[in-house]
Amino acid sequence: MRTRSFVLATALAAVLAACTRSFPAAFPTSSPASSDATEAPVADVGRALREDPPLPGEPTRGWHGLEPASVTPPHGGHDHAR
C-alpha cells in the first residue's frame, strides 16, 4: 500500500511539474498584463437597450461592430459575371 501511494504521488508530482509554464519576470508596457499598461476602454453593454442603433449614414461612434459600410464593387462583388 505504501509503495502504491508513493508511486501515485510521484506520478502526480511529475505530471504537475510537466505542466508548469515559464512566467516572465516583467511584462512590456504595451502588454495588457503590465501594471503600466493603459486601461482598456469601458464597453457600454447596455447602450443597445437604452438607444436605437444608428441608421445608415449616421455616425457609428461608440457602437462597436457598426463600422461604416464600404463601397461595394459592381455586381455585388461577384466575379463570375464578367
Foldseek 3Di string as FASTA:
>chain_A
DVVVVVVVVVVVVVVVVVPDDDDDPADDQCDPVHPNHDDDDDQPVCPVVVDPQDDQPDDRPNPPPDDHDDDADPPRVDPPVD
